Amino acid sequence: MTSSLSVIPHVIIISIEFITGITANGFLIIINCHELIKSRKLAPMPLVLTCIGLSRFGLQMVLMIQSYFSVFFPLHYRAKIYGATMMFAWMFFNSLSLWFATCLSVFYCLKISGFTQSYFLWLKFRISKLMPWLLLGSLLASLITAALCIEVDYSQYLDGDILRNVTLTKKTGFKIKRINDVFLVNLALIFPLAIFVMCTSMLVMSVCKHAHRMQNGYGFRNASVEIHLNTLKTLVTFFFFFVSYFVTFMTSMTFIFPYRSQRFFLVKDIMAAYPSGHSVIIILSNSKLQQPFRRLLCTNKESMKRRTNVE
């Protein structure tokens, strides 16, 4: 257990991540919804970015509620956070955000990579039409995952506000005696992780081959190489967020860290960095999103200055 003062850094970090995530994901939703309405068709990039923004907005809200309950309402944490409704929401938005992000990596890989195999070209020319179906499939997979997490009777590990299948020791605190079924259900999320790793690897190979050709022929720095490198930076950075979130999420499902310990709060902080951090990266790496986002920030700064002057 930690003292009241020791949780202050966690509250500050999680609050910054929450504000950043709500701002970035809200921006993605508004801008890309406006683009979809304006174009009057399901363009793949605005569609997938809208879905990512919505899923991460929901995930950010769930993680914020979890963190604030663990700090300010510790006696109700197990009863409220691990109830059926909150558990379903957590598992649903968790799975949905990972699957939607995988769809984005697939889109990047097919559109930018320069492979000429027949099956790759077949997918490349059809990905725009397939994207709505991929997103719908991700939605169904997430619903099934969340439903299974409730179906396996997660409540068998709870007894009111006290974990039933636990041992209490002076050093380790609460620990689960055996891996719960929710952990096993969420092992299915290794599948989108594997797809993302494959897409990132293919894009790395494509960038290296294209850069080598340009270096030997027309010069290393051209527009095509710049696009490849910018996309690669985005995917590599996202890979860090993706893997770190996946590892900490699966770790939290094992309950190996004592409740309200420093390691418990560290896991929560790392998890909350994923839905906010990668959305910021998407905005900063997209020239169409950079300009309106900067205008939004400038508008906020000007309004704050005006309020300060009035006061």
Protein backbone atom coordinates (compact mmCIF):
# COMPACT_ATOMS: atom_id res chain seq x y z
CA MET A 1 0.00 0.00 0.00
CA THR A 2 1.11 3.56 -0.60
CA SER A 3 0.60 6.71 1.40
CA SER A 4 -1.67 9.55 0.31
CA LEU A 5 1.26 11.72 -0.72
CA SER A 6 2.86 9.02 -2.86
CA VAL A 7 -0.15 8.86 -5.18
CA ILE A 8 0.12 12.56 -6.09
CA PRO A 9 2.56 11.93 -9.01
CA HIS A 10 0.17 9.30 -10.35
CA VAL A 11 -2.78 11.73 -10.18
CA ILE A 12 -0.76 14.41 -12.00
CA ILE A 13 0.46 12.02 -14.72
CA ILE A 14 -2.94 10.43 -15.32
CA SER A 15 -4.61 13.87 -15.44
CA ILE A 16 -2.13 15.10 -18.08
CA GLU A 17 -2.64 11.93 -20.11
CA PHE A 18 -6.42 12.28 -19.81
CA ILE A 19 -6.48 15.92 -20.93
CA THR A 20 -4.09 15.15 -23.81
CA GLY A 21 -6.07 12.10 -24.88
CA ILE A 22 -9.46 13.79 -24.77
CA THR A 23 -8.12 16.76 -26.76
CA ALA A 24 -6.29 14.69 -29.40
CA ASN A 25 -8.96 12.04 -29.88
CA GLY A 26 -11.76 14.60 -29.83
CA PHE A 27 -9.89 16.51 -32.52
CA LEU A 28 -9.51 13.35 -34.63
CA ILE A 29 -13.22 12.62 -34.34
CA ILE A 30 -14.39 16.13 -35.25
CA ILE A 31 -11.98 16.75 -38.15
CA ASN A 32 -12.43 13.34 -39.79
CA CYS A 33 -16.21 13.27 -39.28
CA HIS A 34 -16.33 16.65 -41.01
CA GLU A 35 -14.22 15.21 -43.84
CA LEU A 36 -16.55 12.22 -44.22
CA ILE A 37 -19.65 14.41 -44.26
CA LYS A 38 -18.03 16.81 -46.73
CA SER A 39 -16.95 14.07 -49.15
CA ARG A 40 -20.24 12.12 -48.73
CA LYS A 41 -18.41 8.82 -49.06
CA LEU A 42 -16.56 6.42 -46.80
CA ALA A 43 -12.99 7.48 -47.58
CA PRO A 44 -10.71 4.90 -45.88
CA MET A 45 -8.30 7.23 -44.06
CA PRO A 46 -10.88 9.59 -42.45
CA LEU A 47 -13.03 6.57 -41.63
CA VAL A 48 -10.31 4.62 -39.82
CA LEU A 49 -9.06 7.73 -38.00
CA THR A 50 -12.60 8.51 -36.84
CA CYS A 51 -12.97 4.95 -35.53
CA ILE A 52 -9.59 5.16 -33.79
CA GLY A 53 -10.55 8.45 -32.16
CA LEU A 54 -13.86 7.06 -30.92
CA SER A 55 -12.37 3.84 -29.53
CA ARG A 56 -9.55 5.64 -27.76
CA PHE A 57 -11.86 8.28 -26.39
CA GLY A 58 -13.84 5.48 -24.75
CA LEU A 59 -10.70 3.68 -23.57
CA GLN A 60 -9.31 6.89 -22.10
CA MET A 61 -12.52 7.44 -20.14
CA VAL A 62 -12.46 3.89 -18.75
CA LEU A 63 -8.80 4.12 -17.72
CA MET A 64 -9.41 7.50 -16.08
CA ILE A 65 -12.31 6.14 -14.04
CA GLN A 66 -10.19 3.18 -12.98
CA SER A 67 -7.29 5.38 -11.89
CA TYR A 68 -9.39 7.92 -10.02
CA PHE A 69 -11.35 5.19 -8.24
CA SER A 70 -8.11 3.51 -7.14
CA VAL A 71 -6.91 6.82 -5.65
CA PHE A 72 -10.02 8.52 -4.27
CA PHE A 73 -12.40 5.59 -3.68
CA PRO A 74 -10.15 2.61 -2.86
CA LEU A 75 -12.82 0.79 -0.84
CA HIS A 76 -15.17 0.73 -3.83
CA TYR A 77 -12.50 -0.02 -6.44
CA ARG A 78 -13.00 -3.77 -6.72
CA ALA A 79 -16.78 -3.64 -6.54
CA LYS A 80 -17.21 -0.87 -9.15
CA ILE A 81 -14.23 -1.34 -11.50
CA TYR A 82 -14.54 -5.12 -11.73
CA GLY A 83 -18.32 -5.14 -12.01
CA ALA A 84 -19.88 -6.58 -15.16
CA THR A 85 -20.66 -3.22 -16.81
CA MET A 86 -17.26 -1.63 -16.31
CA MET A 87 -15.45 -4.85 -17.18
CA PHE A 88 -17.39 -5.14 -20.44
CA ALA A 89 -16.62 -1.51 -21.35
CA TRP A 90 -12.93 -1.95 -20.54
CA MET A 91 -12.54 -5.18 -22.53
CA PHE A 92 -14.57 -3.79 -25.45
CA PHE A 93 -12.70 -0.48 -25.87
CA ASN A 94 -9.38 -2.19 -25.17
CA SER A 95 -9.86 -4.73 -27.95
CA LEU A 96 -11.48 -2.21 -30.30
CA SER A 97 -8.65 0.32 -30.06
CA LEU A 98 -6.03 -2.35 -30.77
CA TRP A 99 -7.93 -3.78 -33.74
CA PHE A 100 -8.62 -0.35 -35.27
CA ALA A 101 -4.95 0.58 -34.88
CA THR A 102 -4.03 -2.66 -36.63
CA CYS A 103 -6.35 -1.72 -39.50
CA LEU A 104 -4.48 1.59 -39.81
CA SER A 105 -1.13 -0.22 -39.99
CA VAL A 106 -2.50 -2.55 -42.68
CA PHE A 107 -3.70 0.44 -44.69
CA TYR A 108 -0.30 2.14 -44.41
CA CYS A 109 1.51 -1.04 -45.40
CA LEU A 110 -0.61 -1.74 -48.48
CA LYS A 111 -0.67 1.85 -49.73
CA ILE A 112 3.00 2.72 -49.23
CA SER A 113 4.98 -0.51 -49.51
CA GLY A 114 6.34 -1.24 -52.98
CA PHE A 115 5.95 -5.02 -53.15
CA THR A 116 4.84 -6.37 -56.51
CA GLN A 117 3.54 -9.82 -55.63
CA SER A 118 0.14 -10.55 -57.19
CA TYR A 119 -1.69 -11.10 -53.89
CA PHE A 120 -0.19 -7.90 -52.47
CA LEU A 121 -1.28 -5.85 -55.49
CA TRP A 122 -4.75 -7.43 -55.31
CA LEU A 123 -5.10 -6.24 -51.71
CA LYS A 124 -3.53 -2.85 -52.47
CA PHE A 125 -6.11 -1.97 -55.12
CA ARG A 126 -9.03 -3.18 -52.99
CA ILE A 127 -8.09 -1.99 -49.50
CA SER A 128 -10.18 1.17 -49.83
CA LYS A 129 -13.32 -0.90 -50.41
CA LEU A 130 -12.35 -3.52 -47.85
CA MET A 131 -11.61 -1.06 -45.04
CA PRO A 132 -15.27 -0.60 -43.88
CA TRP A 133 -15.58 -4.38 -43.66
CA LEU A 134 -12.31 -4.68 -41.75
CA LEU A 135 -13.53 -2.08 -39.26
CA LEU A 136 -16.88 -3.87 -38.93
CA GLY A 137 -15.06 -7.15 -38.35
CA SER A 138 -12.94 -5.47 -35.68
CA LEU A 139 -16.12 -4.23 -33.99
CA LEU A 140 -17.63 -7.72 -33.96
CA ALA A 141 -14.39 -9.29 -32.69
CA SER A 142 -14.26 -6.76 -29.85
CA LEU A 143 -17.88 -7.40 -28.90
CA ILE A 144 -17.20 -11.15 -28.81
CA THR A 145 -14.07 -10.65 -26.69
CA ALA A 146 -15.89 -8.43 -24.19
CA ALA A 147 -18.86 -10.81 -24.05
CA LEU A 148 -16.58 -13.80 -23.42
CA CYS A 149 -14.86 -11.94 -20.59
CA ILE A 150 -18.26 -11.59 -18.90
CA GLU A 151 -19.36 -15.10 -19.85
CA VAL A 152 -16.36 -16.78 -18.18
CA ASP A 153 -17.75 -15.36 -14.92
CA TYR A 154 -15.12 -12.92 -13.82
CA SER A 155 -17.08 -12.50 -10.58
CA GLN A 156 -15.83 -15.90 -9.43
CA TYR A 157 -12.64 -14.05 -8.49
CA LEU A 158 -14.51 -11.53 -6.42
CA ASP A 159 -16.43 -11.73 -3.19
CA GLY A 160 -18.06 -8.35 -2.64
CA ASP A 161 -15.16 -5.91 -2.28
CA ILE A 162 -12.63 -8.61 -1.42
CA LEU A 163 -10.83 -10.90 -3.84
CA ARG A 164 -11.70 -14.48 -2.95
CA ASN A 165 -8.92 -16.48 -4.61
CA VAL A 166 -6.05 -14.57 -3.12
CA THR A 167 -3.38 -14.93 -0.51
CA LEU A 168 -2.26 -12.07 1.68
CA THR A 169 1.39 -11.77 2.60
CA LYS A 170 3.36 -8.98 4.19
CA LYS A 171 5.64 -8.50 1.20
CA THR A 172 3.44 -9.14 -1.81
CA GLY A 173 -0.05 -8.17 -0.63
CA PHE A 174 -2.97 -9.51 -2.70
CA LYS A 175 -2.09 -12.05 -5.35
CA ILE A 176 -4.19 -14.32 -7.52
CA LYS A 177 -3.47 -18.00 -6.98
CA ARG A 178 -4.11 -18.93 -10.61
CA ILE A 179 -4.38 -17.09 -13.90
CA ASN A 180 -7.97 -15.98 -14.44
CA ASP A 181 -10.03 -16.80 -17.50
CA VAL A 182 -10.23 -13.14 -18.58
CA PHE A 183 -6.46 -13.19 -19.09
CA LEU A 184 -6.77 -16.28 -21.30
CA VAL A 185 -9.56 -14.70 -23.37
CA ASN A 186 -7.46 -11.60 -23.99
CA LEU A 187 -4.58 -13.69 -25.29
CA ALA A 188 -6.54 -13.51 -28.56
CA LEU A 189 -5.21 -9.94 -28.86
CA ILE A 190 -1.87 -11.45 -29.80
CA PHE A 191 -3.41 -11.85 -33.27
CA PRO A 192 -3.71 -8.08 -34.05
CA LEU A 193 -0.28 -7.61 -32.48
CA ALA A 194 1.16 -10.19 -34.87
CA ILE A 195 -0.50 -8.50 -37.86
CA PHE A 196 0.91 -5.15 -36.83
CA VAL A 197 4.43 -6.57 -36.42
CA MET A 198 4.18 -8.15 -39.87
CA CYS A 199 2.99 -4.88 -41.48
CA THR A 200 5.73 -2.88 -39.77
CA SER A 201 8.38 -5.39 -40.91
CA MET A 202 7.13 -5.27 -44.49
CA LEU A 203 7.19 -1.47 -44.46
CA VAL A 204 10.74 -1.44 -43.09
CA MET A 205 11.89 -3.75 -45.90
CA SER A 206 10.12 -1.59 -48.47
CA VAL A 207 11.72 1.60 -47.15
CA CYS A 208 15.19 0.05 -47.15
CA LYS A 209 14.84 -1.25 -50.71
CA HIS A 210 13.41 2.00 -52.04
CA ALA A 211 16.02 4.13 -50.27
CA HIS A 212 18.80 1.95 -51.65
CA ARG A 213 17.49 2.33 -55.20
CA MET A 214 17.16 6.10 -54.84
CA GLN A 215 20.64 6.38 -53.34
CA ASN A 216 22.19 4.53 -56.26
CA GLY A 217 20.11 6.29 -58.87
CA TYR A 218 18.36 9.61 -58.32
CA GLY A 219 19.56 10.67 -54.91
CA PHE A 220 18.58 9.61 -51.45
CA ARG A 221 16.16 12.37 -50.48
CA ASN A 222 13.11 12.52 -52.69
CA ALA A 223 9.41 12.89 -51.94
CA SER A 224 8.72 9.16 -52.02
CA VAL A 225 11.49 8.34 -49.55
CA GLU A 226 10.32 11.13 -47.25
CA ILE A 227 6.82 9.66 -47.22
CA HIS A 228 8.23 6.23 -46.43
CA LEU A 229 10.42 7.54 -43.62
CA ASN A 230 7.67 9.64 -42.03
CA THR A 231 5.27 6.71 -42.10
CA LEU A 232 7.96 4.41 -40.73
CA LYS A 233 8.65 6.79 -37.83
CA THR A 234 4.94 6.87 -37.06
CA LEU A 235 4.62 3.09 -37.10
CA VAL A 236 7.80 2.50 -35.07
CA THR A 237 6.68 4.97 -32.43
CA PHE A 238 3.24 3.43 -32.39
CA PHE A 239 4.87 0.00 -32.09
CA PHE A 240 6.37 1.19 -28.80
CA PHE A 241 2.97 2.37 -27.54
CA PHE A 242 1.20 -0.74 -28.86
CA VAL A 243 3.58 -3.25 -27.27
CA SER A 244 3.95 -1.35 -23.98
CA TYR A 245 0.16 -1.12 -23.62
CA PHE A 246 -0.34 -4.78 -24.52
CA VAL A 247 2.30 -5.95 -22.02
CA THR A 248 1.03 -3.76 -19.17
CA PHE A 249 -2.59 -4.68 -19.90
CA MET A 250 -1.87 -8.41 -19.80
CA THR A 251 0.23 -7.86 -16.68
CA SER A 252 -2.67 -6.10 -14.97
CA MET A 253 -4.87 -9.12 -15.73
CA THR A 254 -2.54 -11.38 -13.71
CA PHE A 255 -2.74 -9.22 -10.54
CA ILE A 256 0.94 -9.78 -9.75
CA PHE A 257 1.33 -6.25 -8.32
CA PRO A 258 -0.16 -5.40 -4.93
CA TYR A 259 -3.17 -3.11 -5.03
CA ARG A 260 -2.27 0.63 -4.73
CA SER A 261 1.46 -0.11 -4.82
CA GLN A 262 3.90 2.00 -6.85
CA ARG A 263 4.10 -0.72 -9.50
CA PHE A 264 0.30 -0.89 -9.63
CA PHE A 265 0.09 2.84 -10.39
CA LEU A 266 3.02 2.63 -12.85
CA VAL A 267 1.10 0.04 -14.88
CA LYS A 268 -1.95 2.32 -14.95
CA ASP A 269 0.18 5.27 -16.13
CA ILE A 270 1.77 3.28 -18.96
CA MET A 271 -1.61 1.98 -20.09
CA ALA A 272 -3.11 5.48 -20.18
CA ALA A 273 -0.20 6.75 -22.30
CA TYR A 274 -1.25 4.57 -25.25
CA PRO A 275 -4.65 6.09 -26.22
CA SER A 276 -3.33 9.62 -25.84
CA GLY A 277 0.26 9.34 -27.07
CA HIS A 278 -0.34 7.64 -30.39
CA SER A 279 -3.25 9.91 -31.30
CA VAL A 280 -0.91 12.89 -30.86
CA ILE A 281 1.63 11.17 -33.12
CA ILE A 282 -1.02 10.60 -35.80
CA ILE A 283 -1.88 14.30 -35.77
CA LEU A 284 1.74 15.51 -35.84
CA SER A 285 2.69 13.12 -38.66
CA ASN A 286 -0.24 14.11 -40.89
CA SER A 287 0.13 17.41 -42.72
CA LYS A 288 -3.65 17.72 -43.21
CA LEU A 289 -4.20 17.44 -39.46
CA GLN A 290 -1.24 19.55 -38.34
CA GLN A 291 -2.54 22.91 -39.58
CA PRO A 292 -6.03 22.80 -37.99
CA PHE A 293 -4.54 21.36 -34.79
CA ARG A 294 -2.05 24.24 -34.56
CA ARG A 295 -4.86 26.72 -35.21
CA LEU A 296 -6.81 25.11 -32.39
CA LEU A 297 -3.87 25.45 -30.01
CA CYS A 298 -3.28 29.06 -31.05
CA THR A 299 -6.97 29.85 -30.52
CA ASN A 300 -6.83 28.35 -27.04
CA LYS A 301 -3.71 30.36 -26.19
CA GLU A 302 -5.31 33.60 -27.39
CA SER A 303 -8.47 32.94 -25.38
CA MET A 304 -6.39 32.25 -22.26
CA LYS A 305 -4.48 35.51 -22.76
CA ARG A 306 -7.71 37.45 -23.12
CA ARG A 307 -9.08 35.95 -19.93
CA THR A 308 -5.84 36.81 -18.13
CA ASN A 309 -5.97 40.42 -19.36
CA VAL A 310 -9.61 40.79 -18.34
CA GLU A 311 -8.86 39.51 -14.86
